[in-house]
């Protein structure tokens, strides 16, 4: 697998934390030097490892926000 380069350009929120110290976070991340996108994933302490996650454009995030606000 090719090297994956990332830069957390803005830390937005910690959504939860596991007993082992991993945190589910919402961040703006630039992947491989591209434009930053919103990203939700688990991170080990000090961000040395990451779990699988989902990356969203601003449009995706706006749509998700609308969907979540309409949930009962």
PDB file of N, CA and C in Angstrom:
ATOM      1  N   UNK A   1       0.841  -1.170   0.000  1.00  0.00           N
ATOM      2  CA  UNK A   1       0.000   0.000   0.000  1.00  0.00           C
ATOM      3  C   UNK A   1       0.891   1.241   0.000  1.00  0.00           C
ATOM      4  N   UNK A   2       0.494   2.246  -0.745  1.00  0.00           N
ATOM      5  CA  UNK A   2       1.257   3.493  -0.817  1.00  0.00           C
ATOM      6  C   UNK A   2       1.176   4.236   0.512  1.00  0.00           C
ATOM      7  N   UNK A   3       2.192   5.067   0.750  1.00  0.00           N
ATOM      8  CA  UNK A   3       2.173   5.879   1.968  1.00  0.00           C
ATOM      9  C   UNK A   3       0.984   6.824   1.936  1.00  0.00           C
ATOM     10  N   UNK A   4       0.307   6.914   3.046  1.00  0.00           N
ATOM     11  CA  UNK A   4      -0.827   7.807   3.188  1.00  0.00           C
ATOM     12  C   UNK A   4      -0.359   9.007   3.989  1.00  0.00           C
ATOM     13  N   UNK A   5      -0.452  10.183   3.384  1.00  0.00           N
ATOM     14  CA  UNK A   5      -0.037  11.398   4.064  1.00  0.00           C
ATOM     15  C   UNK A   5      -1.279  12.186   4.445  1.00  0.00           C
ATOM     16  N   UNK A   6      -1.274  12.695   5.659  1.00  0.00           N
ATOM     17  CA  UNK A   6      -2.419  13.482   6.118  1.00  0.00           C
ATOM     18  C   UNK A   6      -1.944  14.585   7.034  1.00  0.00           C
ATOM     19  N   UNK A   7      -2.757  15.640   7.081  1.00  0.00           N
ATOM     20  CA  UNK A   7      -2.513  16.741   8.007  1.00  0.00           C
ATOM     21  C   UNK A   7      -3.859  17.147   8.595  1.00  0.00           C
ATOM     22  N   UNK A   8      -3.956  17.100   9.909  1.00  0.00           N
ATOM     23  CA  UNK A   8      -5.167  17.582  10.568  1.00  0.00           C
ATOM     24  C   UNK A   8      -5.074  19.102  10.577  1.00  0.00           C
ATOM     25  N   UNK A   9      -5.887  19.732   9.739  1.00  0.00           N
ATOM     26  CA  UNK A   9      -5.814  21.183   9.610  1.00  0.00           C
ATOM     27  C   UNK A   9      -6.670  21.902  10.644  1.00  0.00           C
ATOM     28  N   UNK A  10      -7.698  21.194  11.160  1.00  0.00           N
ATOM     29  CA  UNK A  10      -8.511  21.769  12.234  1.00  0.00           C
ATOM     30  C   UNK A  10      -9.141  20.640  13.041  1.00  0.00           C
ATOM     31  N   UNK A  11      -8.913  20.661  14.345  1.00  0.00           N
ATOM     32  CA  UNK A  11      -9.579  19.723  15.249  1.00  0.00           C
ATOM     33  C   UNK A  11     -10.895  20.369  15.648  1.00  0.00           C
ATOM     34  N   UNK A  12     -12.012  19.675  15.382  1.00  0.00           N
ATOM     35  CA  UNK A  12     -13.327  20.260  15.642  1.00  0.00           C
ATOM     36  C   UNK A  12     -13.934  19.735  16.942  1.00  0.00           C
ATOM     37  N   UNK A  13     -13.951  18.399  17.127  1.00  0.00           N
ATOM     38  CA  UNK A  13     -14.597  17.863  18.324  1.00  0.00           C
ATOM     39  C   UNK A  13     -14.194  16.421  18.583  1.00  0.00           C
ATOM     40  N   UNK A  14     -14.217  16.050  19.858  1.00  0.00           N
ATOM     41  CA  UNK A  14     -14.127  14.643  20.262  1.00  0.00           C
ATOM     42  C   UNK A  14     -15.561  14.186  20.482  1.00  0.00           C
ATOM     43  N   UNK A  15     -15.976  13.133  19.760  1.00  0.00           N
ATOM     44  CA  UNK A  15     -17.344  12.640  19.854  1.00  0.00           C
ATOM     45  C   UNK A  15     -17.497  11.590  20.942  1.00  0.00           C
ATOM     46  N   UNK A  16     -16.444  10.801  21.164  1.00  0.00           N
ATOM     47  CA  UNK A  16     -16.469   9.787  22.229  1.00  0.00           C
ATOM     48  C   UNK A  16     -15.047   9.320  22.488  1.00  0.00           C
ATOM     49  N   UNK A  17     -14.882   8.569  23.587  1.00  0.00           N
ATOM     50  CA  UNK A  17     -13.574   8.008  23.927  1.00  0.00           C
ATOM     51  C   UNK A  17     -13.763   6.594  24.451  1.00  0.00           C
ATOM     52  N   UNK A  18     -12.943   5.669  23.965  1.00  0.00           N
ATOM     53  CA  UNK A  18     -13.020   4.275  24.398  1.00  0.00           C
ATOM     54  C   UNK A  18     -12.225   4.086  25.685  1.00  0.00           C
ATOM     55  N   UNK A  19     -12.467   2.975  26.403  1.00  0.00           N
ATOM     56  CA  UNK A  19     -11.689   2.698  27.617  1.00  0.00           C
ATOM     57  C   UNK A  19     -10.187   2.582  27.348  1.00  0.00           C
ATOM     58  N   UNK A  20      -9.794   2.259  26.113  1.00  0.00           N
ATOM     59  CA  UNK A  20      -8.369   2.136  25.774  1.00  0.00           C
ATOM     60  C   UNK A  20      -7.741   3.474  25.377  1.00  0.00           C
ATOM     61  N   UNK A  21      -8.534   4.549  25.419  1.00  0.00           N
ATOM     62  CA  UNK A  21      -7.988   5.870  25.128  1.00  0.00           C
ATOM     63  C   UNK A  21      -8.139   6.348  23.693  1.00  0.00           C
ATOM     64  N   UNK A  22      -8.674   5.496  22.817  1.00  0.00           N
ATOM     65  CA  UNK A  22      -8.923   5.926  21.438  1.00  0.00           C
ATOM     66  C   UNK A  22     -10.101   6.887  21.441  1.00  0.00           C
ATOM     67  N   UNK A  23     -10.014   7.932  20.602  1.00  0.00           N
ATOM     68  CA  UNK A  23     -11.072   8.936  20.541  1.00  0.00           C
ATOM     69  C   UNK A  23     -11.670   8.991  19.137  1.00  0.00           C
ATOM     70  N   UNK A  24     -13.011   9.035  19.087  1.00  0.00           N
ATOM     71  CA  UNK A  24     -13.702   9.271  17.820  1.00  0.00           C
ATOM     72  C   UNK A  24     -13.781  10.779  17.671  1.00  0.00           C
ATOM     73  N   UNK A  25     -13.186  11.293  16.581  1.00  0.00           N
ATOM     74  CA  UNK A  25     -13.062  12.741  16.408  1.00  0.00           C
ATOM     75  C   UNK A  25     -13.641  13.204  15.084  1.00  0.00           C
ATOM     76  N   UNK A  26     -14.101  14.449  15.093  1.00  0.00           N
ATOM     77  CA  UNK A  26     -14.464  15.156  13.871  1.00  0.00           C
ATOM     78  C   UNK A  26     -13.363  16.180  13.630  1.00  0.00           C
ATOM     79  N   UNK A  27     -12.695  16.058  12.488  1.00  0.00           N
ATOM     80  CA  UNK A  27     -11.594  16.954  12.137  1.00  0.00           C
ATOM     81  C   UNK A  27     -11.707  17.383  10.685  1.00  0.00           C
ATOM     82  N   UNK A  28     -11.027  18.452  10.344  1.00  0.00           N
ATOM     83  CA  UNK A  28     -10.771  18.790   8.943  1.00  0.00           C
ATOM     84  C   UNK A  28      -9.389  18.227   8.640  1.00  0.00           C
ATOM     85  N   UNK A  29      -9.304  17.390   7.594  1.00  0.00           N
ATOM     86  CA  UNK A  29      -8.038  16.732   7.266  1.00  0.00           C
ATOM     87  C   UNK A  29      -7.729  16.890   5.791  1.00  0.00           C
ATOM     88  N   UNK A  30      -6.483  17.201   5.508  1.00  0.00           N
ATOM     89  CA  UNK A  30      -5.975  17.202   4.138  1.00  0.00           C
ATOM     90  C   UNK A  30      -5.301  15.854   3.904  1.00  0.00           C
ATOM     91  N   UNK A  31      -5.830  15.078   2.960  1.00  0.00           N
ATOM     92  CA  UNK A  31      -5.271  13.767   2.614  1.00  0.00           C
ATOM     93  C   UNK A  31      -4.397  13.909   1.375  1.00  0.00           C
ATOM     94  N   UNK A  32      -3.145  13.492   1.490  1.00  0.00           N
ATOM     95  CA  UNK A  32      -2.197  13.518   0.373  1.00  0.00           C
ATOM     96  C   UNK A  32      -2.110  14.889  -0.296  1.00  0.00           C
ATOM     97  N   UNK A  33      -2.129  15.958   0.516  1.00  0.00           N
ATOM     98  CA  UNK A  33      -1.948  17.313   0.009  1.00  0.00           C
ATOM     99  C   UNK A  33      -3.163  17.914  -0.678  1.00  0.00           C
ATOM    100  N   UNK A  34      -4.286  17.219  -0.635  1.00  0.00           N
ATOM    101  CA  UNK A  34      -5.500  17.730  -1.271  1.00  0.00           C
ATOM    102  C   UNK A  34      -6.234  18.684  -0.341  1.00  0.00           C
ATOM    103  N   UNK A  35      -7.306  19.290  -0.869  1.00  0.00           N
ATOM    104  CA  UNK A  35      -8.140  20.194  -0.088  1.00  0.00           C
ATOM    105  C   UNK A  35      -8.680  19.462   1.145  1.00  0.00           C
ATOM    106  N   UNK A  36      -8.721  20.158   2.266  1.00  0.00           N
ATOM    107  CA  UNK A  36      -9.207  19.553   3.507  1.00  0.00           C
ATOM    108  C   UNK A  36     -10.675  19.190   3.399  1.00  0.00           C
ATOM    109  N   UNK A  37     -11.022  18.042   4.015  1.00  0.00           N
ATOM    110  CA  UNK A  37     -12.406  17.589   4.083  1.00  0.00           C
ATOM    111  C   UNK A  37     -12.713  17.202   5.519  1.00  0.00           C
ATOM    112  N   UNK A  38     -13.996  17.147   5.834  1.00  0.00           N
ATOM    113  CA  UNK A  38     -14.430  16.730   7.160  1.00  0.00           C
ATOM    114  C   UNK A  38     -14.233  15.231   7.288  1.00  0.00           C
ATOM    115  N   UNK A  39     -13.808  14.805   8.453  1.00  0.00           N
ATOM    116  CA  UNK A  39     -13.433  13.412   8.647  1.00  0.00           C
ATOM    117  C   UNK A  39     -13.848  12.963  10.041  1.00  0.00           C
ATOM    118  N   UNK A  40     -14.520  11.811  10.098  1.00  0.00           N
ATOM    119  CA  UNK A  40     -14.896  11.207  11.381  1.00  0.00           C
ATOM    120  C   UNK A  40     -14.228   9.846  11.452  1.00  0.00           C
ATOM    121  N   UNK A  41     -13.380   9.638  12.480  1.00  0.00           N
ATOM    122  CA  UNK A  41     -12.718   8.351  12.659  1.00  0.00           C
ATOM    123  C   UNK A  41     -12.153   8.254  14.067  1.00  0.00           C
ATOM    124  N   UNK A  42     -11.774   7.029  14.442  1.00  0.00           N
ATOM    125  CA  UNK A  42     -11.123   6.782  15.730  1.00  0.00           C
ATOM    126  C   UNK A  42      -9.624   7.043  15.598  1.00  0.00           C
ATOM    127  N   UNK A  43      -9.070   7.655  16.643  1.00  0.00           N
ATOM    128  CA  UNK A  43      -7.641   7.952  16.684  1.00  0.00           C
ATOM    129  C   UNK A  43      -7.053   7.425  17.988  1.00  0.00           C
ATOM    130  N   UNK A  44      -5.881   6.833  17.880  1.00  0.00           N
ATOM    131  CA  UNK A  44      -5.125   6.440  19.064  1.00  0.00           C
ATOM    132  C   UNK A  44      -4.587   7.711  19.727  1.00  0.00           C
ATOM    133  N   UNK A  45      -4.193   7.609  21.008  1.00  0.00           N
ATOM    134  CA  UNK A  45      -3.590   8.778  21.649  1.00  0.00           C
ATOM    135  C   UNK A  45      -2.415   9.312  20.808  1.00  0.00           C
ATOM    136  N   UNK A  46      -2.310  10.630  20.753  1.00  0.00           N
ATOM    137  CA  UNK A  46      -1.258  11.335  19.994  1.00  0.00           C
ATOM    138  C   UNK A  46      -1.375  11.156  18.485  1.00  0.00           C
ATOM    139  N   UNK A  47      -2.506  10.609  18.004  1.00  0.00           N
ATOM    140  CA  UNK A  47      -2.772  10.439  16.574  1.00  0.00           C
ATOM    141  C   UNK A  47      -1.724   9.600  15.850  1.00  0.00           C
ATOM    142  N   UNK A  48      -1.074   8.647  16.578  1.00  0.00           N
ATOM    143  CA  UNK A  48      -0.052   7.816  15.922  1.00  0.00           C
ATOM    144  C   UNK A  48      -0.672   6.689  15.097  1.00  0.00           C
ATOM    145  N   UNK A  49      -1.936   6.329  15.386  1.00  0.00           N
ATOM    146  CA  UNK A  49      -2.662   5.316  14.611  1.00  0.00           C
ATOM    147  C   UNK A  49      -4.088   5.788  14.427  1.00  0.00           C
ATOM    148  N   UNK A  50      -4.727   5.285  13.366  1.00  0.00           N
ATOM    149  CA  UNK A  50      -6.111   5.651  13.100  1.00  0.00           C
ATOM    150  C   UNK A  50      -6.918   4.424  12.723  1.00  0.00           C
ATOM    151  N   UNK A  51      -8.211   4.497  12.978  1.00  0.00           N
ATOM    152  CA  UNK A  51      -9.133   3.457  12.559  1.00  0.00           C
ATOM    153  C   UNK A  51      -9.795   3.853  11.246  1.00  0.00           C
ATOM    154  N   UNK A  52     -10.662   2.984  10.772  1.00  0.00           N
ATOM    155  CA  UNK A  52     -11.423   3.313   9.569  1.00  0.00           C
ATOM    156  C   UNK A  52     -12.372   4.450   9.887  1.00  0.00           C
ATOM    157  N   UNK A  53     -12.663   5.244   8.874  1.00  0.00           N
ATOM    158  CA  UNK A  53     -13.539   6.383   9.091  1.00  0.00           C
ATOM    159  C   UNK A  53     -14.277   6.755   7.830  1.00  0.00           C
ATOM    160  N   UNK A  54     -14.878   7.913   7.879  1.00  0.00           N
ATOM    161  CA  UNK A  54     -15.612   8.445   6.732  1.00  0.00           C
ATOM    162  C   UNK A  54     -15.163   9.892   6.517  1.00  0.00           C
ATOM    163  N   UNK A  55     -14.981  10.237   5.249  1.00  0.00           N
ATOM    164  CA  UNK A  55     -14.567  11.582   4.869  1.00  0.00           C
ATOM    165  C   UNK A  55     -15.706  12.221   4.091  1.00  0.00           C
ATOM    166  N   UNK A  56     -16.029  13.458   4.454  1.00  0.00           N
ATOM    167  CA  UNK A  56     -17.183  14.146   3.877  1.00  0.00           C
ATOM    168  C   UNK A  56     -16.798  15.513   3.326  1.00  0.00           C
ATOM    169  N   UNK A  57     -17.366  15.846   2.168  1.00  0.00           N
ATOM    170  CA  UNK A  57     -17.222  17.205   1.648  1.00  0.00           C
ATOM    171  C   UNK A  57     -18.124  18.134   2.462  1.00  0.00           C
ATOM    172  N   UNK A  58     -17.997  19.418   2.280  1.00  0.00           N
ATOM    173  CA  UNK A  58     -18.862  20.392   2.965  1.00  0.00           C
ATOM    174  C   UNK A  58     -20.321  20.124   2.601  1.00  0.00           C
ATOM    175  N   UNK A  59     -20.577  19.802   1.339  1.00  0.00           N
ATOM    176  CA  UNK A  59     -21.941  19.522   0.889  1.00  0.00           C
ATOM    177  C   UNK A  59     -22.493  18.267   1.567  1.00  0.00           C
ATOM    178  N   UNK A  60     -21.660  17.218   1.663  1.00  0.00           N
ATOM    179  CA  UNK A  60     -22.076  15.989   2.358  1.00  0.00           C
ATOM    180  C   UNK A  60     -22.402  16.286   3.823  1.00  0.00           C
ATOM    181  N   UNK A  61     -21.549  17.074   4.466  1.00  0.00           N
ATOM    182  CA  UNK A  61     -21.752  17.400   5.880  1.00  0.00           C
ATOM    183  C   UNK A  61     -23.041  18.196   6.080  1.00  0.00           C
ATOM    184  N   UNK A  62     -23.313  19.149   5.179  1.00  0.00           N
ATOM    185  CA  UNK A  62     -24.547  19.931   5.271  1.00  0.00           C
ATOM    186  C   UNK A  62     -25.774  19.036   5.124  1.00  0.00           C
ATOM    187  N   UNK A  63     -25.724  18.097   4.188  1.00  0.00           N
ATOM    188  CA  UNK A  63     -26.842  17.167   3.983  1.00  0.00           C
ATOM    189  C   UNK A  63     -27.019  16.279   5.213  1.00  0.00           C
ATOM    190  N   UNK A  64     -25.922  15.756   5.774  1.00  0.00           N
ATOM    191  CA  UNK A  64     -25.987  14.937   6.965  1.00  0.00           C
ATOM    192  C   UNK A  64     -26.596  15.720   8.125  1.00  0.00           C
ATOM    193  N   UNK A  65     -26.206  16.964   8.262  1.00  0.00           N
ATOM    194  CA  UNK A  65     -26.750  17.820   9.319  1.00  0.00           C
ATOM    195  C   UNK A  65     -28.265  17.944   9.174  1.00  0.00           C
ATOM    196  N   UNK A  66     -28.738  18.158   7.945  1.00  0.00           N
ATOM    197  CA  UNK A  66     -30.178  18.249   7.703  1.00  0.00           C
ATOM    198  C   UNK A  66     -30.885  16.948   8.049  1.00  0.00           C
ATOM    199  N   UNK A  67     -30.314  15.822   7.635  1.00  0.00           N
ATOM    200  CA  UNK A  67     -30.912  14.516   7.911  1.00  0.00           C
ATOM    201  C   UNK A  67     -30.983  14.276   9.408  1.00  0.00           C
ATOM    202  N   UNK A  68     -29.889  14.548  10.125  1.00  0.00           N
ATOM    203  CA  UNK A  68     -29.853  14.313  11.574  1.00  0.00           C
ATOM    204  C   UNK A  68     -30.830  15.216  12.320  1.00  0.00           C
ATOM    205  N   UNK A  69     -30.989  16.438  11.862  1.00  0.00           N
ATOM    206  CA  UNK A  69     -31.904  17.367  12.554  1.00  0.00           C
ATOM    207  C   UNK A  69     -33.354  16.944  12.381  1.00  0.00           C
ATOM    208  N   UNK A  70     -33.655  16.121  11.362  1.00  0.00           N
ATOM    209  CA  UNK A  70     -35.022  15.661  11.132  1.00  0.00           C
ATOM    210  C   UNK A  70     -35.308  14.285  11.740  1.00  0.00           C
ATOM    211  N   UNK A  71     -34.317  13.672  12.379  1.00  0.00           N
ATOM    212  CA  UNK A  71     -34.550  12.390  13.040  1.00  0.00           C
ATOM    213  C   UNK A  71     -35.416  12.588  14.278  1.00  0.00           C
ATOM    214  N   UNK A  72     -36.232  11.611  14.558  1.00  0.00           N
ATOM    215  CA  UNK A  72     -37.083  11.697  15.752  1.00  0.00           C
ATOM    216  C   UNK A  72     -36.515  10.872  16.850  1.00  0.00           C
TER     217      UNK A  72
END
